[in-house]
């Protein structure tokens, strides 16, 4: 049985932290996993900035409420789910993702969670598990699923390489250059074609 695992931000929806950076005028919050391979370092930096500026979860959620999926993403998800199963593997947080999942038709999402004080201050974050994207693909393979994976960031590389087949999607030049063995597509229509070729493959 085939199954597709996709990253969320940068593939189906805009980068949440970039949108929040633009809304708050804090350019330092534009830094994402497309720029920083060390996720814990990135998150500690973000949490420090939020504390320094007195920003709370509700401030981030207010911005997320104004966001929509990337152009073509809703149609892409619909076309994909007509052909196979989809799981979104993301390093975002359930406190962020709910309104965006509604706009995408509620696909299955595996992500992380935040530690939030009663006043809305974000004090920490909790990973679902270490290397969660790679481990999810590995677990799916262990129950004889044939897995395709795609994403755009450093934290997607392990799941793409663990999958039976995969590709980069609109990845920045630094990642493309360092991962020349991985195909890269730049549109949802081309991503769907890559997946359809995978679905047509006979697996033993």
N, C-alpha and C. Protein backbone atom coordinates (compact mmCIF):
# COMPACT_ATOMS: atom_id res chain seq x y z
N UNK A 1 0.85 -1.20 0.00
CA UNK A 1 0.00 0.00 0.00
C UNK A 1 0.88 1.24 0.00
N UNK A 2 0.49 2.24 -0.79
CA UNK A 2 1.25 3.47 -0.89
C UNK A 2 0.76 4.51 0.11
N UNK A 3 1.66 5.42 0.48
CA UNK A 3 1.32 6.50 1.39
C UNK A 3 2.28 7.65 1.14
N UNK A 4 1.77 8.88 1.23
CA UNK A 4 2.59 10.07 1.01
C UNK A 4 2.73 10.84 2.31
N UNK A 5 3.97 11.23 2.63
CA UNK A 5 4.26 12.06 3.80
C UNK A 5 4.80 13.40 3.32
N UNK A 6 4.17 14.48 3.73
CA UNK A 6 4.57 15.82 3.31
C UNK A 6 4.84 16.71 4.51
N UNK A 7 5.81 17.59 4.34
CA UNK A 7 5.99 18.69 5.26
C UNK A 7 4.80 19.64 5.10
N UNK A 8 4.59 20.50 6.07
CA UNK A 8 3.45 21.43 6.03
C UNK A 8 3.86 22.82 5.54
N UNK A 9 4.65 23.53 6.34
CA UNK A 9 5.02 24.90 6.00
C UNK A 9 6.00 24.93 4.84
N UNK A 10 5.70 25.77 3.88
CA UNK A 10 6.52 25.86 2.68
C UNK A 10 6.09 24.91 1.59
N UNK A 11 5.26 23.93 1.94
CA UNK A 11 4.75 22.97 0.95
C UNK A 11 3.25 23.18 0.74
N UNK A 12 2.50 23.25 1.83
CA UNK A 12 1.05 23.43 1.72
C UNK A 12 0.57 24.77 2.26
N UNK A 13 1.28 25.32 3.22
CA UNK A 13 0.90 26.62 3.79
C UNK A 13 2.15 27.50 3.88
N UNK A 14 1.97 28.81 3.97
CA UNK A 14 3.14 29.69 4.14
C UNK A 14 3.84 29.42 5.46
N UNK A 15 5.07 29.89 5.57
CA UNK A 15 5.82 29.75 6.81
C UNK A 15 5.19 30.63 7.89
N UNK A 16 4.75 29.99 8.97
CA UNK A 16 4.05 30.71 10.03
C UNK A 16 4.94 31.77 10.68
N UNK A 17 6.19 31.41 10.97
CA UNK A 17 7.06 32.37 11.66
C UNK A 17 7.40 33.56 10.76
N UNK A 18 7.48 33.35 9.46
CA UNK A 18 7.72 34.48 8.55
C UNK A 18 6.51 35.41 8.54
N UNK A 19 5.32 34.83 8.50
CA UNK A 19 4.10 35.66 8.55
C UNK A 19 4.04 36.45 9.86
N UNK A 20 4.41 35.81 10.95
CA UNK A 20 4.40 36.49 12.25
C UNK A 20 5.48 37.56 12.30
N UNK A 21 6.63 37.30 11.69
CA UNK A 21 7.69 38.29 11.60
C UNK A 21 7.21 39.53 10.86
N UNK A 22 6.52 39.33 9.75
CA UNK A 22 6.02 40.46 8.97
C UNK A 22 4.95 41.24 9.74
N UNK A 23 4.10 40.51 10.47
CA UNK A 23 3.02 41.16 11.22
C UNK A 23 3.55 41.97 12.40
N UNK A 24 4.65 41.51 13.01
CA UNK A 24 5.18 42.17 14.20
C UNK A 24 6.33 43.12 13.89
N UNK A 25 6.87 43.03 12.66
CA UNK A 25 8.01 43.86 12.33
C UNK A 25 9.29 43.43 13.02
N UNK A 26 9.40 42.12 13.33
CA UNK A 26 10.61 41.59 13.96
C UNK A 26 11.32 40.72 12.93
N UNK A 27 12.30 41.25 12.21
CA UNK A 27 12.93 40.49 11.12
C UNK A 27 13.64 39.22 11.57
N UNK A 28 14.10 39.20 12.81
CA UNK A 28 14.82 38.01 13.30
C UNK A 28 13.94 36.75 13.29
N UNK A 29 12.62 36.93 13.36
CA UNK A 29 11.71 35.78 13.38
C UNK A 29 11.52 35.17 12.00
N UNK A 30 12.11 35.76 10.98
CA UNK A 30 12.03 35.18 9.63
C UNK A 30 12.86 33.91 9.50
N UNK A 31 13.78 33.69 10.40
CA UNK A 31 14.67 32.53 10.31
C UNK A 31 13.87 31.24 10.53
N UNK A 32 14.01 30.28 9.62
CA UNK A 32 13.25 29.03 9.69
C UNK A 32 14.19 27.84 9.52
N UNK A 33 13.60 26.65 9.43
CA UNK A 33 14.40 25.43 9.22
C UNK A 33 14.97 25.37 7.81
N UNK A 34 14.58 26.28 6.95
CA UNK A 34 15.23 26.39 5.64
C UNK A 34 16.61 27.03 5.79
N UNK A 35 16.81 27.75 6.91
CA UNK A 35 18.06 28.46 7.16
C UNK A 35 18.91 27.79 8.25
N UNK A 36 18.26 27.21 9.25
CA UNK A 36 18.95 26.69 10.43
C UNK A 36 18.71 25.18 10.58
N UNK A 37 19.76 24.36 10.43
CA UNK A 37 19.59 22.90 10.56
C UNK A 37 19.29 22.45 11.99
N UNK A 38 19.74 23.21 12.99
CA UNK A 38 19.58 22.81 14.40
C UNK A 38 18.24 23.33 14.91
N UNK A 39 17.25 22.43 15.00
CA UNK A 39 15.89 22.85 15.35
C UNK A 39 15.81 23.39 16.78
N UNK A 40 16.50 22.74 17.71
CA UNK A 40 16.44 23.21 19.10
C UNK A 40 17.05 24.60 19.21
N UNK A 41 18.16 24.84 18.55
CA UNK A 41 18.78 26.16 18.55
C UNK A 41 17.81 27.21 18.00
N UNK A 42 17.12 26.87 16.92
CA UNK A 42 16.16 27.78 16.31
C UNK A 42 15.01 28.09 17.26
N UNK A 43 14.45 27.06 17.89
CA UNK A 43 13.32 27.26 18.78
C UNK A 43 13.71 28.04 20.04
N UNK A 44 14.88 27.78 20.59
CA UNK A 44 15.32 28.54 21.77
C UNK A 44 15.46 30.02 21.41
N UNK A 45 15.96 30.28 20.23
CA UNK A 45 16.08 31.66 19.76
C UNK A 45 14.70 32.31 19.64
N UNK A 46 13.74 31.59 19.07
CA UNK A 46 12.39 32.12 18.92
C UNK A 46 11.74 32.39 20.29
N UNK A 47 11.85 31.44 21.21
CA UNK A 47 11.24 31.60 22.52
C UNK A 47 11.85 32.78 23.27
N UNK A 48 13.15 32.96 23.12
CA UNK A 48 13.81 34.09 23.75
C UNK A 48 13.29 35.41 23.21
N UNK A 49 13.11 35.47 21.90
CA UNK A 49 12.58 36.69 21.28
C UNK A 49 11.15 36.97 21.74
N UNK A 50 10.31 35.94 21.80
CA UNK A 50 8.94 36.13 22.25
C UNK A 50 8.91 36.68 23.67
N UNK A 51 9.74 36.12 24.54
CA UNK A 51 9.79 36.59 25.94
C UNK A 51 10.28 38.03 26.00
N UNK A 52 11.31 38.33 25.24
CA UNK A 52 11.89 39.68 25.23
C UNK A 52 10.89 40.72 24.77
N UNK A 53 10.05 40.37 23.78
CA UNK A 53 9.08 41.32 23.22
C UNK A 53 7.71 41.25 23.88
N UNK A 54 7.54 40.35 24.85
CA UNK A 54 6.26 40.24 25.53
C UNK A 54 5.15 39.68 24.66
N UNK A 55 5.51 38.84 23.70
CA UNK A 55 4.52 38.26 22.78
C UNK A 55 4.03 36.91 23.30
N UNK A 56 2.75 36.64 23.09
CA UNK A 56 2.12 35.44 23.65
C UNK A 56 1.51 34.58 22.54
N UNK A 57 1.07 33.40 22.95
CA UNK A 57 0.50 32.47 21.98
C UNK A 57 -0.65 33.10 21.22
N UNK A 58 -1.51 33.82 21.91
CA UNK A 58 -2.67 34.41 21.24
C UNK A 58 -2.26 35.42 20.17
N UNK A 59 -1.10 36.05 20.33
CA UNK A 59 -0.61 36.97 19.30
C UNK A 59 -0.25 36.22 18.02
N UNK A 60 0.37 35.06 18.20
CA UNK A 60 0.73 34.23 17.04
C UNK A 60 -0.53 33.66 16.39
N UNK A 61 -1.45 33.18 17.21
CA UNK A 61 -2.67 32.58 16.68
C UNK A 61 -3.51 33.60 15.93
N UNK A 62 -3.45 34.84 16.35
CA UNK A 62 -4.21 35.90 15.66
C UNK A 62 -3.71 36.05 14.22
N UNK A 63 -2.40 35.98 14.04
CA UNK A 63 -1.81 36.07 12.70
C UNK A 63 -2.15 34.83 11.90
N UNK A 64 -2.05 33.65 12.52
CA UNK A 64 -2.35 32.39 11.82
C UNK A 64 -3.79 32.40 11.32
N UNK A 65 -4.69 33.01 12.09
CA UNK A 65 -6.09 33.07 11.68
C UNK A 65 -6.32 33.81 10.38
N UNK A 66 -5.37 34.66 9.98
CA UNK A 66 -5.50 35.42 8.73
C UNK A 66 -4.85 34.70 7.55
N UNK A 67 -4.17 33.58 7.81
CA UNK A 67 -3.40 32.90 6.76
C UNK A 67 -4.26 31.90 5.99
N UNK A 68 -3.90 31.70 4.73
CA UNK A 68 -4.53 30.71 3.88
C UNK A 68 -3.47 29.76 3.33
N UNK A 69 -3.87 28.55 2.89
CA UNK A 69 -2.92 27.66 2.22
C UNK A 69 -2.29 28.33 1.01
N UNK A 70 -1.14 27.82 0.60
CA UNK A 70 -0.48 28.33 -0.59
C UNK A 70 -1.38 28.17 -1.81
N UNK A 71 -1.25 29.04 -2.81
CA UNK A 71 -2.06 28.89 -4.02
C UNK A 71 -1.90 27.50 -4.64
N UNK A 72 -3.02 26.85 -4.89
CA UNK A 72 -3.01 25.51 -5.48
C UNK A 72 -2.92 24.37 -4.49
N UNK A 73 -2.65 24.68 -3.22
CA UNK A 73 -2.44 23.61 -2.24
C UNK A 73 -3.72 22.84 -1.94
N UNK A 74 -4.84 23.53 -1.84
CA UNK A 74 -6.10 22.85 -1.53
C UNK A 74 -6.45 21.87 -2.65
N UNK A 75 -6.34 22.32 -3.89
CA UNK A 75 -6.65 21.45 -5.03
C UNK A 75 -5.66 20.28 -5.11
N UNK A 76 -4.40 20.57 -4.79
CA UNK A 76 -3.38 19.51 -4.78
C UNK A 76 -3.73 18.44 -3.75
N UNK A 77 -4.07 18.85 -2.55
CA UNK A 77 -4.41 17.89 -1.49
C UNK A 77 -5.63 17.07 -1.89
N UNK A 78 -6.62 17.71 -2.46
CA UNK A 78 -7.82 16.98 -2.89
C UNK A 78 -7.48 15.94 -3.95
N UNK A 79 -6.68 16.33 -4.95
CA UNK A 79 -6.30 15.40 -6.02
C UNK A 79 -5.46 14.26 -5.48
N UNK A 80 -4.57 14.57 -4.54
CA UNK A 80 -3.72 13.55 -3.96
C UNK A 80 -4.53 12.54 -3.15
N UNK A 81 -5.45 13.03 -2.34
CA UNK A 81 -6.22 12.13 -1.48
C UNK A 81 -7.21 11.28 -2.26
N UNK A 82 -7.50 11.66 -3.47
CA UNK A 82 -8.32 10.80 -4.33
C UNK A 82 -7.53 9.58 -4.82
N UNK A 83 -6.19 9.68 -4.76
CA UNK A 83 -5.35 8.61 -5.29
C UNK A 83 -4.66 7.78 -4.23
N UNK A 84 -4.40 8.37 -3.07
CA UNK A 84 -3.65 7.64 -2.05
C UNK A 84 -3.85 8.30 -0.69
N UNK A 85 -3.20 7.73 0.34
CA UNK A 85 -3.29 8.25 1.70
C UNK A 85 -2.23 9.33 1.92
N UNK A 86 -2.55 10.32 2.75
CA UNK A 86 -1.65 11.43 3.04
C UNK A 86 -1.50 11.62 4.54
N UNK A 87 -0.25 11.76 4.98
CA UNK A 87 0.04 12.17 6.35
C UNK A 87 0.98 13.37 6.28
N UNK A 88 0.65 14.40 7.03
CA UNK A 88 1.54 15.56 7.12
C UNK A 88 2.44 15.38 8.34
N UNK A 89 3.74 15.43 8.11
CA UNK A 89 4.73 15.33 9.18
C UNK A 89 5.38 16.69 9.32
N UNK A 90 5.13 17.35 10.44
CA UNK A 90 5.57 18.73 10.58
C UNK A 90 6.21 18.97 11.94
N UNK A 91 7.15 19.92 11.97
CA UNK A 91 7.73 20.37 13.23
C UNK A 91 6.99 21.58 13.78
N UNK A 92 5.83 21.90 13.21
CA UNK A 92 5.01 22.95 13.79
C UNK A 92 4.34 22.41 15.05
N UNK A 93 3.41 23.16 15.58
CA UNK A 93 2.77 22.83 16.85
C UNK A 93 1.26 22.75 16.69
N UNK A 94 0.65 21.85 17.45
CA UNK A 94 -0.80 21.68 17.31
C UNK A 94 -1.54 22.97 17.64
N UNK A 95 -0.97 23.80 18.51
CA UNK A 95 -1.59 25.07 18.86
C UNK A 95 -1.58 26.06 17.69
N UNK A 96 -0.69 25.83 16.73
CA UNK A 96 -0.63 26.67 15.53
C UNK A 96 -1.49 26.12 14.40
N UNK A 97 -1.51 24.81 14.25
CA UNK A 97 -1.93 24.18 13.01
C UNK A 97 -3.44 24.04 12.82
N UNK A 98 -4.22 24.06 13.87
CA UNK A 98 -5.64 23.72 13.76
C UNK A 98 -6.40 24.51 12.69
N UNK A 99 -6.32 25.83 12.66
CA UNK A 99 -7.10 26.55 11.63
C UNK A 99 -6.63 26.26 10.22
N UNK A 100 -5.34 25.99 10.05
CA UNK A 100 -4.82 25.68 8.72
C UNK A 100 -5.25 24.29 8.29
N UNK A 101 -5.34 23.35 9.22
CA UNK A 101 -5.82 22.01 8.89
C UNK A 101 -7.28 22.07 8.43
N UNK A 102 -8.06 22.93 9.04
CA UNK A 102 -9.46 23.08 8.62
C UNK A 102 -9.53 23.53 7.17
N UNK A 103 -8.67 24.47 6.79
CA UNK A 103 -8.69 24.99 5.42
C UNK A 103 -8.19 23.98 4.40
N UNK A 104 -7.42 22.98 4.86
CA UNK A 104 -6.91 21.94 3.97
C UNK A 104 -7.80 20.70 3.95
N UNK A 105 -8.92 20.74 4.68
CA UNK A 105 -9.82 19.59 4.69
C UNK A 105 -9.46 18.55 5.72
N UNK A 106 -8.75 18.93 6.77
CA UNK A 106 -8.39 18.06 7.88
C UNK A 106 -7.62 16.80 7.49
N UNK A 107 -6.48 16.95 6.79
CA UNK A 107 -5.62 15.78 6.60
C UNK A 107 -5.00 15.37 7.94
N UNK A 108 -4.51 14.14 8.02
CA UNK A 108 -3.85 13.67 9.23
C UNK A 108 -2.55 14.43 9.44
N UNK A 109 -2.32 14.87 10.68
CA UNK A 109 -1.14 15.67 11.01
C UNK A 109 -0.44 15.08 12.21
N UNK A 110 0.88 14.83 12.08
CA UNK A 110 1.74 14.50 13.20
C UNK A 110 2.64 15.71 13.44
N UNK A 111 2.58 16.31 14.64
CA UNK A 111 3.41 17.49 14.90
C UNK A 111 3.79 17.53 16.38
N UNK A 112 4.23 18.68 16.84
CA UNK A 112 4.70 18.85 18.21
C UNK A 112 3.72 19.70 19.01
N UNK A 113 4.08 20.03 20.25
CA UNK A 113 3.20 20.85 21.08
C UNK A 113 4.01 21.87 21.86
N UNK A 114 3.33 22.91 22.29
CA UNK A 114 3.95 23.98 23.06
C UNK A 114 3.61 23.85 24.53
N UNK A 115 4.48 24.39 25.39
CA UNK A 115 4.20 24.54 26.81
C UNK A 115 3.82 26.00 27.03
N UNK A 116 2.59 26.22 27.48
CA UNK A 116 2.05 27.58 27.54
C UNK A 116 1.57 27.88 28.96
N UNK A 117 2.01 29.01 29.52
CA UNK A 117 1.58 29.45 30.84
C UNK A 117 0.14 29.94 30.78
N UNK A 118 -0.53 30.03 31.93
CA UNK A 118 -1.93 30.49 31.94
C UNK A 118 -2.15 31.84 31.27
N UNK A 119 -1.15 32.72 31.27
CA UNK A 119 -1.33 34.03 30.64
C UNK A 119 -1.02 34.02 29.15
N UNK A 120 -0.71 32.83 28.58
CA UNK A 120 -0.43 32.72 27.16
C UNK A 120 1.04 32.80 26.79
N UNK A 121 1.91 32.99 27.79
CA UNK A 121 3.34 33.01 27.52
C UNK A 121 3.81 31.62 27.11
N UNK A 122 4.53 31.54 25.99
CA UNK A 122 5.08 30.25 25.53
C UNK A 122 6.40 30.04 26.24
N UNK A 123 6.45 29.06 27.11
CA UNK A 123 7.64 28.85 27.94
C UNK A 123 8.57 27.76 27.42
N UNK A 124 8.05 26.86 26.61
CA UNK A 124 8.89 25.76 26.11
C UNK A 124 8.14 25.07 24.98
N UNK A 125 8.76 24.04 24.43
CA UNK A 125 8.11 23.22 23.42
C UNK A 125 8.43 21.76 23.68
N UNK A 126 7.56 20.88 23.21
CA UNK A 126 7.75 19.44 23.39
C UNK A 126 7.70 18.75 22.04
N UNK A 127 8.77 18.04 21.70
CA UNK A 127 8.78 17.24 20.49
C UNK A 127 7.93 16.00 20.70
N UNK A 128 7.21 15.62 19.65
CA UNK A 128 6.49 14.34 19.71
C UNK A 128 7.48 13.21 19.96
N UNK A 129 8.62 13.24 19.28
CA UNK A 129 9.76 12.39 19.54
C UNK A 129 10.96 12.96 18.79
N UNK A 130 12.15 12.57 19.18
CA UNK A 130 13.34 13.02 18.48
C UNK A 130 13.33 12.46 17.06
N UNK A 131 13.76 13.28 16.11
CA UNK A 131 13.78 12.86 14.70
C UNK A 131 12.42 12.32 14.27
N UNK A 132 11.37 13.05 14.66
CA UNK A 132 10.01 12.53 14.49
C UNK A 132 9.60 12.25 13.06
N UNK A 133 10.06 13.05 12.11
CA UNK A 133 9.68 12.82 10.71
C UNK A 133 10.31 11.52 10.20
N UNK A 134 11.60 11.36 10.44
CA UNK A 134 12.27 10.14 9.99
C UNK A 134 11.68 8.90 10.67
N UNK A 135 11.44 9.00 11.99
CA UNK A 135 10.93 7.86 12.72
C UNK A 135 9.51 7.49 12.29
N UNK A 136 8.72 8.48 11.92
CA UNK A 136 7.37 8.18 11.43
C UNK A 136 7.45 7.40 10.12
N UNK A 137 8.31 7.84 9.20
CA UNK A 137 8.47 7.12 7.93
C UNK A 137 8.99 5.72 8.18
N UNK A 138 9.95 5.60 9.08
CA UNK A 138 10.51 4.28 9.41
C UNK A 138 9.43 3.36 9.96
N UNK A 139 8.58 3.89 10.82
CA UNK A 139 7.51 3.08 11.40
C UNK A 139 6.50 2.66 10.34
N UNK A 140 6.17 3.56 9.43
CA UNK A 140 5.23 3.22 8.36
C UNK A 140 5.81 2.13 7.45
N UNK A 141 7.10 2.21 7.19
CA UNK A 141 7.75 1.16 6.39
C UNK A 141 7.70 -0.18 7.11
N UNK A 142 7.77 -0.14 8.44
CA UNK A 142 7.79 -1.40 9.20
C UNK A 142 6.47 -2.15 9.12
N UNK A 143 5.39 -1.44 8.74
CA UNK A 143 4.09 -2.12 8.56
C UNK A 143 3.78 -2.29 7.07
N UNK A 144 4.86 -2.28 6.28
CA UNK A 144 4.80 -2.60 4.86
C UNK A 144 4.09 -1.54 4.02
N UNK A 145 4.18 -0.27 4.45
CA UNK A 145 3.71 0.83 3.62
C UNK A 145 4.83 1.24 2.68
N UNK A 146 4.48 1.60 1.46
CA UNK A 146 5.44 2.13 0.50
C UNK A 146 5.32 3.66 0.55
N UNK A 147 6.40 4.31 0.98
CA UNK A 147 6.30 5.71 1.38
C UNK A 147 7.03 6.65 0.42
N UNK A 148 6.34 7.72 0.04
CA UNK A 148 6.91 8.85 -0.68
C UNK A 148 6.92 10.03 0.27
N UNK A 149 8.03 10.80 0.30
CA UNK A 149 8.12 11.95 1.19
C UNK A 149 8.65 13.17 0.45
N UNK A 150 8.16 14.35 0.85
CA UNK A 150 8.63 15.60 0.24
C UNK A 150 8.60 16.72 1.26
N UNK A 151 9.56 17.63 1.13
CA UNK A 151 9.64 18.80 2.00
C UNK A 151 10.62 19.79 1.44
N UNK A 152 10.78 20.91 2.15
CA UNK A 152 11.59 22.00 1.61
C UNK A 152 12.75 22.42 2.49
N UNK A 153 12.93 21.77 3.65
CA UNK A 153 13.88 22.28 4.64
C UNK A 153 14.89 21.24 5.09
N UNK A 154 15.88 21.70 5.85
CA UNK A 154 16.89 20.80 6.39
C UNK A 154 16.25 19.68 7.22
N UNK A 155 15.21 20.02 7.98
CA UNK A 155 14.61 19.02 8.85
C UNK A 155 13.73 18.02 8.11
N UNK A 156 13.63 18.17 6.78
CA UNK A 156 12.89 17.20 5.97
C UNK A 156 13.80 16.16 5.31
N UNK A 157 15.10 16.42 5.32
CA UNK A 157 16.02 15.56 4.55
C UNK A 157 16.02 14.13 5.06
N UNK A 158 15.97 13.95 6.38
CA UNK A 158 16.04 12.59 6.92
C UNK A 158 14.81 11.77 6.52
N UNK A 159 13.63 12.39 6.52
CA UNK A 159 12.43 11.63 6.14
C UNK A 159 12.43 11.33 4.65
N UNK A 160 12.94 12.27 3.84
CA UNK A 160 12.99 12.03 2.40
C UNK A 160 13.93 10.87 2.09
N UNK A 161 15.08 10.87 2.76
CA UNK A 161 16.06 9.79 2.51
C UNK A 161 15.61 8.46 3.09
N UNK A 162 14.80 8.49 4.14
CA UNK A 162 14.29 7.26 4.72
C UNK A 162 13.18 6.65 3.87
N UNK A 163 12.43 7.47 3.15
CA UNK A 163 11.31 6.99 2.34
C UNK A 163 11.80 6.16 1.16
N UNK A 164 10.89 5.38 0.58
CA UNK A 164 11.23 4.62 -0.61
C UNK A 164 11.59 5.55 -1.77
N UNK A 165 10.88 6.68 -1.84
CA UNK A 165 11.18 7.67 -2.86
C UNK A 165 10.71 9.03 -2.33
N UNK A 166 11.33 10.09 -2.83
CA UNK A 166 10.93 11.41 -2.37
C UNK A 166 11.59 12.50 -3.18
N UNK A 167 11.28 13.73 -2.82
CA UNK A 167 11.88 14.86 -3.52
C UNK A 167 11.82 16.10 -2.64
N UNK A 168 12.60 17.09 -3.02
CA UNK A 168 12.52 18.41 -2.42
C UNK A 168 11.43 19.21 -3.12
N UNK A 169 10.86 20.17 -2.39
CA UNK A 169 9.82 21.03 -2.97
C UNK A 169 10.18 22.48 -2.68
N UNK A 170 10.46 23.23 -3.74
CA UNK A 170 10.80 24.65 -3.62
C UNK A 170 11.89 24.90 -2.56
N UNK A 171 12.86 24.02 -2.51
CA UNK A 171 13.93 24.15 -1.52
C UNK A 171 14.85 25.31 -1.87
N UNK A 172 15.44 25.96 -0.86
CA UNK A 172 16.39 27.04 -1.14
C UNK A 172 17.64 26.50 -1.82
N UNK A 173 18.38 27.38 -2.44
CA UNK A 173 19.54 26.97 -3.24
C UNK A 173 20.58 26.22 -2.42
N UNK A 174 20.78 26.62 -1.17
CA UNK A 174 21.79 25.96 -0.34
C UNK A 174 21.46 24.48 -0.16
N UNK A 175 20.17 24.15 0.02
CA UNK A 175 19.78 22.75 0.19
C UNK A 175 19.86 22.01 -1.13
N UNK A 176 19.42 22.62 -2.21
CA UNK A 176 19.52 21.98 -3.53
C UNK A 176 20.97 21.63 -3.85
N UNK A 177 21.88 22.57 -3.58
CA UNK A 177 23.28 22.37 -3.91
C UNK A 177 23.90 21.25 -3.09
N UNK A 178 23.52 21.17 -1.81
CA UNK A 178 24.10 20.15 -0.94
C UNK A 178 23.43 18.79 -1.09
N UNK A 179 22.31 18.74 -1.80
CA UNK A 179 21.56 17.48 -1.96
C UNK A 179 21.26 17.25 -3.44
N UNK A 180 22.29 17.27 -4.26
CA UNK A 180 22.09 17.15 -5.70
C UNK A 180 21.55 15.79 -6.11
N UNK A 181 21.64 14.80 -5.21
CA UNK A 181 21.10 13.48 -5.52
C UNK A 181 19.58 13.43 -5.41
N UNK A 182 18.98 14.46 -4.78
CA UNK A 182 17.52 14.48 -4.62
C UNK A 182 16.88 15.34 -5.69
N UNK A 183 15.83 14.85 -6.35
CA UNK A 183 15.11 15.70 -7.30
C UNK A 183 14.42 16.84 -6.56
N UNK A 184 14.22 17.94 -7.25
CA UNK A 184 13.52 19.08 -6.66
C UNK A 184 12.49 19.60 -7.64
N UNK A 185 11.26 19.80 -7.18
CA UNK A 185 10.20 20.36 -8.03
C UNK A 185 9.75 21.69 -7.41
N UNK A 186 9.14 22.52 -8.24
CA UNK A 186 8.79 23.87 -7.80
C UNK A 186 7.32 24.21 -7.96
N UNK A 187 6.50 23.22 -8.25
CA UNK A 187 5.06 23.48 -8.36
C UNK A 187 4.29 22.27 -7.83
N UNK A 188 3.07 22.51 -7.39
CA UNK A 188 2.24 21.41 -6.90
C UNK A 188 1.90 20.43 -8.03
N UNK A 189 1.76 20.93 -9.25
CA UNK A 189 1.46 20.03 -10.37
C UNK A 189 2.63 19.09 -10.63
N UNK A 190 3.87 19.59 -10.55
CA UNK A 190 5.03 18.73 -10.74
C UNK A 190 5.21 17.77 -9.56
N UNK A 191 4.88 18.22 -8.36
CA UNK A 191 4.94 17.33 -7.21
C UNK A 191 3.94 16.19 -7.37
N UNK A 192 2.75 16.51 -7.84
CA UNK A 192 1.74 15.47 -8.06
C UNK A 192 2.21 14.47 -9.11
N UNK A 193 2.90 14.94 -10.15
CA UNK A 193 3.43 14.04 -11.17
C UNK A 193 4.48 13.09 -10.58
N UNK A 194 5.35 13.63 -9.72
CA UNK A 194 6.35 12.79 -9.05
C UNK A 194 5.66 11.70 -8.23
N UNK A 195 4.61 12.09 -7.52
CA UNK A 195 3.89 11.12 -6.68
C UNK A 195 3.17 10.10 -7.55
N UNK A 196 2.59 10.53 -8.64
CA UNK A 196 1.87 9.60 -9.53
C UNK A 196 2.83 8.58 -10.14
N UNK A 197 4.05 9.01 -10.45
CA UNK A 197 5.05 8.04 -10.94
C UNK A 197 5.38 7.02 -9.85
N UNK A 198 5.46 7.49 -8.62
CA UNK A 198 5.69 6.60 -7.49
C UNK A 198 4.54 5.61 -7.32
N UNK A 199 3.31 6.11 -7.43
CA UNK A 199 2.14 5.24 -7.26
C UNK A 199 2.06 4.18 -8.35
N UNK A 200 2.63 4.48 -9.51
CA UNK A 200 2.59 3.53 -10.63
C UNK A 200 3.66 2.46 -10.53
N UNK A 201 4.58 2.60 -9.55
CA UNK A 201 5.67 1.66 -9.41
C UNK A 201 5.18 0.37 -8.75
N UNK A 202 5.60 -0.75 -9.30
CA UNK A 202 5.30 -2.05 -8.70
C UNK A 202 6.34 -2.34 -7.62
N UNK A 203 5.84 -2.50 -6.39
CA UNK A 203 6.74 -2.79 -5.27
C UNK A 203 6.60 -4.23 -4.84
N UNK A 204 7.71 -4.81 -4.41
CA UNK A 204 7.71 -6.19 -3.95
C UNK A 204 7.53 -6.21 -2.43
